[in-house]
Amino acid sequence: MAYSNPTEAIEQLAASIGDNVYIDVAKWHLYLRDAHLHTTLAERFYPMLSQGSITENAVVEVLKSIPVKLGGGKAELPLSDLLPMQSQVHLLDVLEEFQQNL
C-alpha cells in the first residue's frame, strides 16, 4: 500500500502497533494504544523502515531508549523491560509487514 504522505504512514503504523503490541503488567495485557505509546514507536520506527534499515537489534535499542513512568512517576523503566517476548515478536511482525507494504 502506498501512502500519500509520511503522516498518513505513521498513523497507519501507529494503529497497527497499538492493536498488536502490549506491555505485561501483573499478567494484564495493556496494549500500547491504551498506554499512549504506539505513536511514539511509530515516529521512531518510520524513518528506519523507509530507509530499509530496520533490524531486530535496532528495534531492541529503540525499545530500551523509551522510558515508561510507573506509579505516577515514582519509578521509570525502559519499554523493553515491559514487553514480553511474544509482544516483541508481534512488534517485529508488524514492522516487517509494514516495510513490505511501503
PDB file of N, CA and C in Angstrom:
ATOM      1  N   MET A   1       0.848  -1.178   0.000  1.00  0.00           N
ATOM      2  CA  MET A   1       0.000   0.000   0.000  1.00  0.00           C
ATOM      3  C   MET A   1       0.888   1.235   0.000  1.00  0.00           C
ATOM      4  N   ALA A   2       0.690   2.086  -0.927  1.00  0.00           N
ATOM      5  CA  ALA A   2       1.446   3.337  -0.994  1.00  0.00           C
ATOM      6  C   ALA A   2       0.719   4.399  -0.167  1.00  0.00           C
ATOM      7  N   TYR A   3       1.491   5.108   0.617  1.00  0.00           N
ATOM      8  CA  TYR A   3       0.916   6.159   1.458  1.00  0.00           C
ATOM      9  C   TYR A   3       1.142   7.497   0.774  1.00  0.00           C
ATOM     10  N   SER A   4       0.141   8.367   0.870  1.00  0.00           N
ATOM     11  CA  SER A   4       0.233   9.646   0.177  1.00  0.00           C
ATOM     12  C   SER A   4       1.216  10.604   0.847  1.00  0.00           C
ATOM     13  N   ASN A   5       1.437  10.416   2.152  1.00  0.00           N
ATOM     14  CA  ASN A   5       2.411  11.258   2.838  1.00  0.00           C
ATOM     15  C   ASN A   5       2.915  10.540   4.093  1.00  0.00           C
ATOM     16  N   PRO A   6       4.032  11.002   4.648  1.00  0.00           N
ATOM     17  CA  PRO A   6       4.593  10.342   5.828  1.00  0.00           C
ATOM     18  C   PRO A   6       3.658  10.351   7.035  1.00  0.00           C
ATOM     19  N   THR A   7       2.882  11.415   7.202  1.00  0.00           N
ATOM     20  CA  THR A   7       1.972  11.482   8.345  1.00  0.00           C
ATOM     21  C   THR A   7       0.952  10.357   8.290  1.00  0.00           C
ATOM     22  N   GLU A   8       0.396  10.114   7.115  1.00  0.00           N
ATOM     23  CA  GLU A   8      -0.561   9.018   6.953  1.00  0.00           C
ATOM     24  C   GLU A   8       0.102   7.678   7.251  1.00  0.00           C
ATOM     25  N   ALA A   9       1.321   7.494   6.783  1.00  0.00           N
ATOM     26  CA  ALA A   9       2.049   6.245   7.011  1.00  0.00           C
ATOM     27  C   ALA A   9       2.311   6.039   8.502  1.00  0.00           C
ATOM     28  N   ILE A  10       2.720   7.086   9.189  1.00  0.00           N
ATOM     29  CA  ILE A  10       2.994   6.987  10.622  1.00  0.00           C
ATOM     30  C   ILE A  10       1.713   6.659  11.374  1.00  0.00           C
ATOM     31  N   GLU A  11       0.604   7.276  10.991  1.00  0.00           N
ATOM     32  CA  GLU A  11      -0.675   6.985  11.642  1.00  0.00           C
ATOM     33  C   GLU A  11      -1.080   5.528  11.447  1.00  0.00           C
ATOM     34  N   GLN A  12      -0.892   5.006  10.249  1.00  0.00           N
ATOM     35  CA  GLN A  12      -1.223   3.600   9.981  1.00  0.00           C
ATOM     36  C   GLN A  12      -0.304   2.670  10.769  1.00  0.00           C
ATOM     37  N   LEU A  13       0.980   2.987  10.806  1.00  0.00           N
ATOM     38  CA  LEU A  13       1.921   2.174  11.569  1.00  0.00           C
ATOM     39  C   LEU A  13       1.575   2.225  13.050  1.00  0.00           C
ATOM     40  N   ALA A  14       1.268   3.401  13.561  1.00  0.00           N
ATOM     41  CA  ALA A  14       0.893   3.549  14.968  1.00  0.00           C
ATOM     42  C   ALA A  14      -0.344   2.720  15.295  1.00  0.00           C
ATOM     43  N   ALA A  15      -1.334   2.742  14.412  1.00  0.00           N
ATOM     44  CA  ALA A  15      -2.557   1.961  14.642  1.00  0.00           C
ATOM     45  C   ALA A  15      -2.246   0.478  14.697  1.00  0.00           C
ATOM     46  N   SER A  16      -1.412   0.013  13.815  1.00  0.00           N
ATOM     47  CA  SER A  16      -1.063  -1.403  13.786  1.00  0.00           C
ATOM     48  C   SER A  16      -0.265  -1.799  15.028  1.00  0.00           C
ATOM     49  N   ILE A  17       0.679  -0.965  15.424  1.00  0.00           N
ATOM     50  CA  ILE A  17       1.435  -1.229  16.653  1.00  0.00           C
ATOM     51  C   ILE A  17       0.490  -1.235  17.845  1.00  0.00           C
ATOM     52  N   GLY A  18      -0.375  -0.243  17.931  1.00  0.00           N
ATOM     53  CA  GLY A  18      -1.288  -0.113  19.060  1.00  0.00           C
ATOM     54  C   GLY A  18      -2.247  -1.272  19.207  1.00  0.00           C
ATOM     55  N   ASP A  19      -2.608  -1.892  18.094  1.00  0.00           N
ATOM     56  CA  ASP A  19      -3.551  -3.013  18.120  1.00  0.00           C
ATOM     57  C   ASP A  19      -2.886  -4.362  18.371  1.00  0.00           C
ATOM     58  N   ASN A  20      -1.576  -4.456  18.173  1.00  0.00           N
ATOM     59  CA  ASN A  20      -0.911  -5.757  18.215  1.00  0.00           C
ATOM     60  C   ASN A  20       0.163  -5.911  19.290  1.00  0.00           C
ATOM     61  N   VAL A  21       0.615  -4.837  19.867  1.00  0.00           N
ATOM     62  CA  VAL A  21       1.737  -4.898  20.807  1.00  0.00           C
ATOM     63  C   VAL A  21       1.251  -4.431  22.178  1.00  0.00           C
ATOM     64  N   TYR A  22       1.666  -5.168  23.201  1.00  0.00           N
ATOM     65  CA  TYR A  22       1.215  -4.856  24.555  1.00  0.00           C
ATOM     66  C   TYR A  22       2.365  -4.953  25.555  1.00  0.00           C
ATOM     67  N   ILE A  23       2.175  -4.270  26.678  1.00  0.00           N
ATOM     68  CA  ILE A  23       3.067  -4.463  27.813  1.00  0.00           C
ATOM     69  C   ILE A  23       2.332  -5.381  28.783  1.00  0.00           C
ATOM     70  N   ASP A  24       3.100  -6.082  29.575  1.00  0.00           N
ATOM     71  CA  ASP A  24       2.534  -7.024  30.534  1.00  0.00           C
ATOM     72  C   ASP A  24       2.732  -6.450  31.929  1.00  0.00           C
ATOM     73  N   VAL A  25       1.621  -6.199  32.612  1.00  0.00           N
ATOM     74  CA  VAL A  25       1.657  -5.673  33.969  1.00  0.00           C
ATOM     75  C   VAL A  25       0.828  -6.617  34.832  1.00  0.00           C
ATOM     76  N   ALA A  26       1.491  -7.354  35.698  1.00  0.00           N
ATOM     77  CA  ALA A  26       0.820  -8.307  36.582  1.00  0.00           C
ATOM     78  C   ALA A  26      -0.104  -9.246  35.802  1.00  0.00           C
ATOM     79  N   LYS A  27       0.401  -9.733  34.680  1.00  0.00           N
ATOM     80  CA  LYS A  27      -0.306 -10.644  33.778  1.00  0.00           C
ATOM     81  C   LYS A  27      -1.502 -10.001  33.071  1.00  0.00           C
ATOM     82  N   TRP A  28      -1.589  -8.682  33.123  1.00  0.00           N
ATOM     83  CA  TRP A  28      -2.586  -7.946  32.358  1.00  0.00           C
ATOM     84  C   TRP A  28      -1.895  -7.434  31.101  1.00  0.00           C
ATOM     85  N   HIS A  29      -2.575  -7.543  29.982  1.00  0.00           N
ATOM     86  CA  HIS A  29      -2.030  -7.027  28.730  1.00  0.00           C
ATOM     87  C   HIS A  29      -2.566  -5.625  28.499  1.00  0.00           C
ATOM     88  N   LEU A  30      -1.686  -4.662  28.537  1.00  0.00           N
ATOM     89  CA  LEU A  30      -2.039  -3.272  28.278  1.00  0.00           C
ATOM     90  C   LEU A  30      -1.499  -2.931  26.896  1.00  0.00           C
ATOM     91  N   TYR A  31      -2.392  -2.829  25.928  1.00  0.00           N
ATOM     92  CA  TYR A  31      -1.981  -2.553  24.558  1.00  0.00           C
ATOM     93  C   TYR A  31      -1.418  -1.139  24.461  1.00  0.00           C
ATOM     94  N   LEU A  32      -0.448  -0.985  23.582  1.00  0.00           N
ATOM     95  CA  LEU A  32       0.272   0.282  23.501  1.00  0.00           C
ATOM     96  C   LEU A  32      -0.617   1.452  23.100  1.00  0.00           C
ATOM     97  N   ARG A  33      -1.721   1.199  22.392  1.00  0.00           N
ATOM     98  CA  ARG A  33      -2.640   2.302  22.084  1.00  0.00           C
ATOM     99  C   ARG A  33      -3.256   2.829  23.378  1.00  0.00           C
ATOM    100  N   ASP A  34      -3.572   1.923  24.309  1.00  0.00           N
ATOM    101  CA  ASP A  34      -4.169   2.332  25.583  1.00  0.00           C
ATOM    102  C   ASP A  34      -3.151   2.998  26.505  1.00  0.00           C
ATOM    103  N   ALA A  35      -1.889   2.637  26.335  1.00  0.00           N
ATOM    104  CA  ALA A  35      -0.814   3.240  27.129  1.00  0.00           C
ATOM    105  C   ALA A  35      -0.269   4.503  26.460  1.00  0.00           C
ATOM    106  N   HIS A  36      -0.813   4.839  25.296  1.00  0.00           N
ATOM    107  CA  HIS A  36      -0.408   6.021  24.529  1.00  0.00           C
ATOM    108  C   HIS A  36       1.079   5.995  24.154  1.00  0.00           C
ATOM    109  N   LEU A  37       1.557   4.804  23.795  1.00  0.00           N
ATOM    110  CA  LEU A  37       2.948   4.645  23.387  1.00  0.00           C
ATOM    111  C   LEU A  37       3.089   4.278  21.913  1.00  0.00           C
ATOM    112  N   HIS A  38       1.981   3.974  21.251  1.00  0.00           N
ATOM    113  CA  HIS A  38       2.029   3.495  19.865  1.00  0.00           C
ATOM    114  C   HIS A  38       2.536   4.557  18.891  1.00  0.00           C
ATOM    115  N   THR A  39       2.146   5.803  19.071  1.00  0.00           N
ATOM    116  CA  THR A  39       2.578   6.865  18.158  1.00  0.00           C
ATOM    117  C   THR A  39       4.068   7.154  18.343  1.00  0.00           C
ATOM    118  N   THR A  40       4.529   7.142  19.573  1.00  0.00           N
ATOM    119  CA  THR A  40       5.959   7.346  19.834  1.00  0.00           C
ATOM    120  C   THR A  40       6.789   6.308  19.101  1.00  0.00           C
ATOM    121  N   LEU A  41       6.370   5.048  19.184  1.00  0.00           N
ATOM    122  CA  LEU A  41       7.104   3.992  18.490  1.00  0.00           C
ATOM    123  C   LEU A  41       7.044   4.177  16.978  1.00  0.00           C
ATOM    124  N   ALA A  42       5.864   4.483  16.470  1.00  0.00           N
ATOM    125  CA  ALA A  42       5.728   4.661  15.017  1.00  0.00           C
ATOM    126  C   ALA A  42       6.627   5.792  14.523  1.00  0.00           C
ATOM    127  N   GLU A  43       6.688   6.882  15.269  1.00  0.00           N
ATOM    128  CA  GLU A  43       7.533   8.010  14.873  1.00  0.00           C
ATOM    129  C   GLU A  43       9.013   7.647  14.895  1.00  0.00           C
ATOM    130  N   ARG A  44       9.401   6.756  15.791  1.00  0.00           N
ATOM    131  CA  ARG A  44      10.804   6.331  15.866  1.00  0.00           C
ATOM    132  C   ARG A  44      11.136   5.319  14.768  1.00  0.00           C
ATOM    133  N   PHE A  45      10.185   4.423  14.475  1.00  0.00           N
ATOM    134  CA  PHE A  45      10.465   3.349  13.529  1.00  0.00           C
ATOM    135  C   PHE A  45      10.267   3.746  12.068  1.00  0.00           C
ATOM    136  N   TYR A  46       9.381   4.680  11.789  1.00  0.00           N
ATOM    137  CA  TYR A  46       9.082   5.012  10.393  1.00  0.00           C
ATOM    138  C   TYR A  46      10.329   5.416   9.596  1.00  0.00           C
ATOM    139  N   PRO A  47      11.192   6.301  10.099  1.00  0.00           N
ATOM    140  CA  PRO A  47      12.382   6.648   9.301  1.00  0.00           C
ATOM    141  C   PRO A  47      13.268   5.428   9.020  1.00  0.00           C
ATOM    142  N   MET A  48      13.373   4.538   9.981  1.00  0.00           N
ATOM    143  CA  MET A  48      14.178   3.331   9.792  1.00  0.00           C
ATOM    144  C   MET A  48      13.556   2.431   8.727  1.00  0.00           C
ATOM    145  N   LEU A  49      12.240   2.320   8.771  1.00  0.00           N
ATOM    146  CA  LEU A  49      11.534   1.475   7.805  1.00  0.00           C
ATOM    147  C   LEU A  49      11.630   2.049   6.398  1.00  0.00           C
ATOM    148  N   SER A  50      11.479   3.355   6.277  1.00  0.00           N
ATOM    149  CA  SER A  50      11.516   3.976   4.949  1.00  0.00           C
ATOM    150  C   SER A  50      12.912   3.907   4.330  1.00  0.00           C
ATOM    151  N   GLN A  51      13.938   3.789   5.170  1.00  0.00           N
ATOM    152  CA  GLN A  51      15.303   3.645   4.672  1.00  0.00           C
ATOM    153  C   GLN A  51      15.703   2.182   4.506  1.00  0.00           C
ATOM    154  N   GLY A  52      14.836   1.284   4.966  1.00  0.00           N
ATOM    155  CA  GLY A  52      15.126  -0.144   4.874  1.00  0.00           C
ATOM    156  C   GLY A  52      16.210  -0.595   5.826  1.00  0.00           C
ATOM    157  N   SER A  53      16.385   0.129   6.926  1.00  0.00           N
ATOM    158  CA  SER A  53      17.482  -0.176   7.844  1.00  0.00           C
ATOM    159  C   SER A  53      17.014  -0.757   9.173  1.00  0.00           C
ATOM    160  N   ILE A  54      15.871  -1.414   9.187  1.00  0.00           N
ATOM    161  CA  ILE A  54      15.350  -1.960  10.435  1.00  0.00           C
ATOM    162  C   ILE A  54      15.943  -3.350  10.683  1.00  0.00           C
ATOM    163  N   THR A  55      16.422  -3.564  11.897  1.00  0.00           N
ATOM    164  CA  THR A  55      16.927  -4.866  12.315  1.00  0.00           C
ATOM    165  C   THR A  55      16.380  -5.164  13.700  1.00  0.00           C
ATOM    166  N   GLU A  56      16.467  -6.406  14.100  1.00  0.00           N
ATOM    167  CA  GLU A  56      15.996  -6.772  15.433  1.00  0.00           C
ATOM    168  C   GLU A  56      16.770  -6.000  16.502  1.00  0.00           C
ATOM    169  N   ASN A  57      18.067  -5.861  16.318  1.00  0.00           N
ATOM    170  CA  ASN A  57      18.882  -5.108  17.280  1.00  0.00           C
ATOM    171  C   ASN A  57      18.467  -3.644  17.343  1.00  0.00           C
ATOM    172  N   ALA A  58      18.152  -3.068  16.200  1.00  0.00           N
ATOM    173  CA  ALA A  58      17.708  -1.670  16.168  1.00  0.00           C
ATOM    174  C   ALA A  58      16.384  -1.510  16.912  1.00  0.00           C
ATOM    175  N   VAL A  59      15.491  -2.480  16.735  1.00  0.00           N
ATOM    176  CA  VAL A  59      14.195  -2.445  17.429  1.00  0.00           C
ATOM    177  C   VAL A  59      14.421  -2.493  18.936  1.00  0.00           C
ATOM    178  N   VAL A  60      15.273  -3.390  19.388  1.00  0.00           N
ATOM    179  CA  VAL A  60      15.555  -3.512  20.817  1.00  0.00           C
ATOM    180  C   VAL A  60      16.156  -2.213  21.356  1.00  0.00           C
ATOM    181  N   GLU A  61      17.049  -1.600  20.605  1.00  0.00           N
ATOM    182  CA  GLU A  61      17.661  -0.342  21.045  1.00  0.00           C
ATOM    183  C   GLU A  61      16.618   0.767  21.176  1.00  0.00           C
ATOM    184  N   VAL A  62      15.683   0.826  20.238  1.00  0.00           N
ATOM    185  CA  VAL A  62      14.609   1.830  20.338  1.00  0.00           C
ATOM    186  C   VAL A  62      13.765   1.564  21.573  1.00  0.00           C
ATOM    187  N   LEU A  63      13.415   0.305  21.806  1.00  0.00           N
ATOM    188  CA  LEU A  63      12.604  -0.034  22.981  1.00  0.00           C
ATOM    189  C   LEU A  63      13.326   0.323  24.278  1.00  0.00           C
ATOM    190  N   LYS A  64      14.629   0.131  24.312  1.00  0.00           N
ATOM    191  CA  LYS A  64      15.414   0.482  25.502  1.00  0.00           C
ATOM    192  C   LYS A  64      15.472   1.993  25.719  1.00  0.00           C
ATOM    193  N   SER A  65      15.349   2.749  24.641  1.00  0.00           N
ATOM    194  CA  SER A  65      15.503   4.207  24.748  1.00  0.00           C
ATOM    195  C   SER A  65      14.222   4.936  25.138  1.00  0.00           C
ATOM    196  N   ILE A  66      13.112   4.215  25.260  1.00  0.00           N
ATOM    197  CA  ILE A  66      11.840   4.859  25.592  1.00  0.00           C
ATOM    198  C   ILE A  66      11.505   4.599  27.062  1.00  0.00           C
ATOM    199  N   PRO A  67      11.587   5.625  27.897  1.00  0.00           N
ATOM    200  CA  PRO A  67      11.273   5.443  29.317  1.00  0.00           C
ATOM    201  C   PRO A  67       9.755   5.443  29.548  1.00  0.00           C
ATOM    202  N   VAL A  68       9.320   4.559  30.435  1.00  0.00           N
ATOM    203  CA  VAL A  68       7.903   4.479  30.798  1.00  0.00           C
ATOM    204  C   VAL A  68       7.810   4.737  32.298  1.00  0.00           C
ATOM    205  N   LYS A  69       7.066   5.774  32.658  1.00  0.00           N
ATOM    206  CA  LYS A  69       6.901   6.125  34.066  1.00  0.00           C
ATOM    207  C   LYS A  69       5.825   5.250  34.695  1.00  0.00           C
ATOM    208  N   LEU A  70       6.096   4.785  35.885  1.00  0.00           N
ATOM    209  CA  LEU A  70       5.176   3.934  36.627  1.00  0.00           C
ATOM    210  C   LEU A  70       4.877   4.569  37.972  1.00  0.00           C
ATOM    211  N   GLY A  71       3.704   4.289  38.492  1.00  0.00           N
ATOM    212  CA  GLY A  71       3.346   4.789  39.819  1.00  0.00           C
ATOM    213  C   GLY A  71       3.344   6.292  39.908  1.00  0.00           C
ATOM    214  N   GLY A  72       2.821   6.936  38.866  1.00  0.00           N
ATOM    215  CA  GLY A  72       2.759   8.397  38.890  1.00  0.00           C
ATOM    216  C   GLY A  72       4.127   9.042  38.833  1.00  0.00           C
ATOM    217  N   GLY A  73       5.090   8.339  38.257  1.00  0.00           N
ATOM    218  CA  GLY A  73       6.424   8.884  38.110  1.00  0.00           C
ATOM    219  C   GLY A  73       7.393   8.471  39.208  1.00  0.00           C
ATOM    220  N   LYS A  74       6.938   7.629  40.153  1.00  0.00           N
ATOM    221  CA  LYS A  74       7.827   7.172  41.228  1.00  0.00           C
ATOM    222  C   LYS A  74       8.951   6.289  40.702  1.00  0.00           C
ATOM    223  N   ALA A  75       8.648   5.556  39.636  1.00  0.00           N
ATOM    224  CA  ALA A  75       9.648   4.672  39.036  1.00  0.00           C
ATOM    225  C   ALA A  75       9.600   4.837  37.523  1.00  0.00           C
ATOM    226  N   GLU A  76      10.669   4.431  36.885  1.00  0.00           N
ATOM    227  CA  GLU A  76      10.752   4.535  35.432  1.00  0.00           C
ATOM    228  C   GLU A  76      11.521   3.325  34.915  1.00  0.00           C
ATOM    229  N   LEU A  77      10.956   2.671  33.912  1.00  0.00           N
ATOM    230  CA  LEU A  77      11.593   1.515  33.278  1.00  0.00           C
ATOM    231  C   LEU A  77      11.638   1.722  31.776  1.00  0.00           C
ATOM    232  N   PRO A  78      12.633   1.150  31.122  1.00  0.00           N
ATOM    233  CA  PRO A  78      12.625   1.202  29.656  1.00  0.00           C
ATOM    234  C   PRO A  78      11.501   0.317  29.125  1.00  0.00           C
ATOM    235  N   LEU A  79      10.917   0.724  28.021  1.00  0.00           N
ATOM    236  CA  LEU A  79       9.819  -0.030  27.417  1.00  0.00           C
ATOM    237  C   LEU A  79      10.227  -1.475  27.157  1.00  0.00           C
ATOM    238  N   SER A  80      11.477  -1.704  26.832  1.00  0.00           N
ATOM    239  CA  SER A  80      11.946  -3.067  26.556  1.00  0.00           C
ATOM    240  C   SER A  80      11.733  -3.999  27.745  1.00  0.00           C
ATOM    241  N   ASP A  81      11.775  -3.474  28.969  1.00  0.00           N
ATOM    242  CA  ASP A  81      11.581  -4.300  30.153  1.00  0.00           C
ATOM    243  C   ASP A  81      10.119  -4.659  30.392  1.00  0.00           C
ATOM    244  N   LEU A  82       9.214  -3.969  29.742  1.00  0.00           N
ATOM    245  CA  LEU A  82       7.781  -4.202  29.959  1.00  0.00           C
ATOM    246  C   LEU A  82       7.128  -5.055  28.884  1.00  0.00           C
ATOM    247  N   LEU A  83       7.822  -5.241  27.762  1.00  0.00           N
ATOM    248  CA  LEU A  83       7.270  -6.047  26.670  1.00  0.00           C
ATOM    249  C   LEU A  83       7.708  -7.497  26.824  1.00  0.00           C
ATOM    250  N   PRO A  84       6.763  -8.430  26.948  1.00  0.00           N
ATOM    251  CA  PRO A  84       7.155  -9.835  26.956  1.00  0.00           C
ATOM    252  C   PRO A  84       7.676 -10.233  25.573  1.00  0.00           C
ATOM    253  N   MET A  85       8.365 -11.337  25.501  1.00  0.00           N
ATOM    254  CA  MET A  85       8.971 -11.778  24.239  1.00  0.00           C
ATOM    255  C   MET A  85       7.925 -11.909  23.137  1.00  0.00           C
ATOM    256  N   GLN A  86       6.765 -12.441  23.449  1.00  0.00           N
ATOM    257  CA  GLN A  86       5.723 -12.613  22.436  1.00  0.00           C
ATOM    258  C   GLN A  86       5.299 -11.267  21.858  1.00  0.00           C
ATOM    259  N   SER A  87       5.243 -10.263  22.686  1.00  0.00           N
ATOM    260  CA  SER A  87       4.866  -8.937  22.216  1.00  0.00           C
ATOM    261  C   SER A  87       5.970  -8.335  21.341  1.00  0.00           C
ATOM    262  N   GLN A  88       7.216  -8.605  21.666  1.00  0.00           N
ATOM    263  CA  GLN A  88       8.319  -8.139  20.821  1.00  0.00           C
ATOM    264  C   GLN A  88       8.269  -8.812  19.456  1.00  0.00           C
ATOM    265  N   VAL A  89       7.898 -10.090  19.449  1.00  0.00           N
ATOM    266  CA  VAL A  89       7.743 -10.806  18.180  1.00  0.00           C
ATOM    267  C   VAL A  89       6.622 -10.180  17.363  1.00  0.00           C
ATOM    268  N   HIS A  90       5.509  -9.838  18.016  1.00  0.00           N
ATOM    269  CA  HIS A  90       4.403  -9.170  17.316  1.00  0.00           C
ATOM    270  C   HIS A  90       4.866  -7.842  16.727  1.00  0.00           C
ATOM    271  N   LEU A  91       5.667  -7.104  17.487  1.00  0.00           N
ATOM    272  CA  LEU A  91       6.172  -5.819  17.000  1.00  0.00           C
ATOM    273  C   LEU A  91       7.039  -6.027  15.758  1.00  0.00           C
ATOM    274  N   LEU A  92       7.924  -6.988  15.798  1.00  0.00           N
ATOM    275  CA  LEU A  92       8.771  -7.267  14.636  1.00  0.00           C
ATOM    276  C   LEU A  92       7.928  -7.663  13.428  1.00  0.00           C
ATOM    277  N   ASP A  93       6.892  -8.475  13.662  1.00  0.00           N
ATOM    278  CA  ASP A  93       5.998  -8.875  12.570  1.00  0.00           C
ATOM    279  C   ASP A  93       5.290  -7.664  11.962  1.00  0.00           C
ATOM    280  N   VAL A  94       4.805  -6.775  12.815  1.00  0.00           N
ATOM    281  CA  VAL A  94       4.128  -5.558  12.346  1.00  0.00           C
ATOM    282  C   VAL A  94       5.090  -4.712  11.513  1.00  0.00           C
ATOM    283  N   LEU A  95       6.309  -4.551  11.998  1.00  0.00           N
ATOM    284  CA  LEU A  95       7.286  -3.728  11.293  1.00  0.00           C
ATOM    285  C   LEU A  95       7.684  -4.346   9.952  1.00  0.00           C
ATOM    286  N   GLU A  96       7.882  -5.649   9.932  1.00  0.00           N
ATOM    287  CA  GLU A  96       8.236  -6.329   8.678  1.00  0.00           C
ATOM    288  C   GLU A  96       7.113  -6.207   7.649  1.00  0.00           C
ATOM    289  N   GLU A  97       5.887  -6.417   8.103  1.00  0.00           N
ATOM    290  CA  GLU A  97       4.740  -6.312   7.186  1.00  0.00           C
ATOM    291  C   GLU A  97       4.606  -4.888   6.663  1.00  0.00           C
ATOM    292  N   PHE A  98       4.767  -3.917   7.527  1.00  0.00           N
ATOM    293  CA  PHE A  98       4.663  -2.513   7.121  1.00  0.00           C
ATOM    294  C   PHE A  98       5.748  -2.193   6.096  1.00  0.00           C
ATOM    295  N   GLN A  99       6.960  -2.652   6.341  1.00  0.00           N
ATOM    296  CA  GLN A  99       8.058  -2.359   5.419  1.00  0.00           C
ATOM    297  C   GLN A  99       7.806  -2.977   4.047  1.00  0.00           C
ATOM    298  N   GLN A 100       7.228  -4.154   4.016  1.00  0.00           N
ATOM    299  CA  GLN A 100       6.902  -4.791   2.731  1.00  0.00           C
ATOM    300  C   GLN A 100       5.869  -3.997   1.944  1.00  0.00           C
ATOM    301  N   ASN A 101       5.002  -3.297   2.657  1.00  0.00           N
ATOM    302  CA  ASN A 101       3.926  -2.530   2.008  1.00  0.00           C
ATOM    303  C   ASN A 101       4.316  -1.104   1.662  1.00  0.00           C
ATOM    304  N   LEU A 102       5.532  -0.701   2.026  1.00  0.00           N
ATOM    305  CA  LEU A 102       5.966   0.663   1.686  1.00  0.00           C
ATOM    306  C   LEU A 102       6.228   0.803   0.200  1.00  0.00           C
TER     307      LEU A 102
END
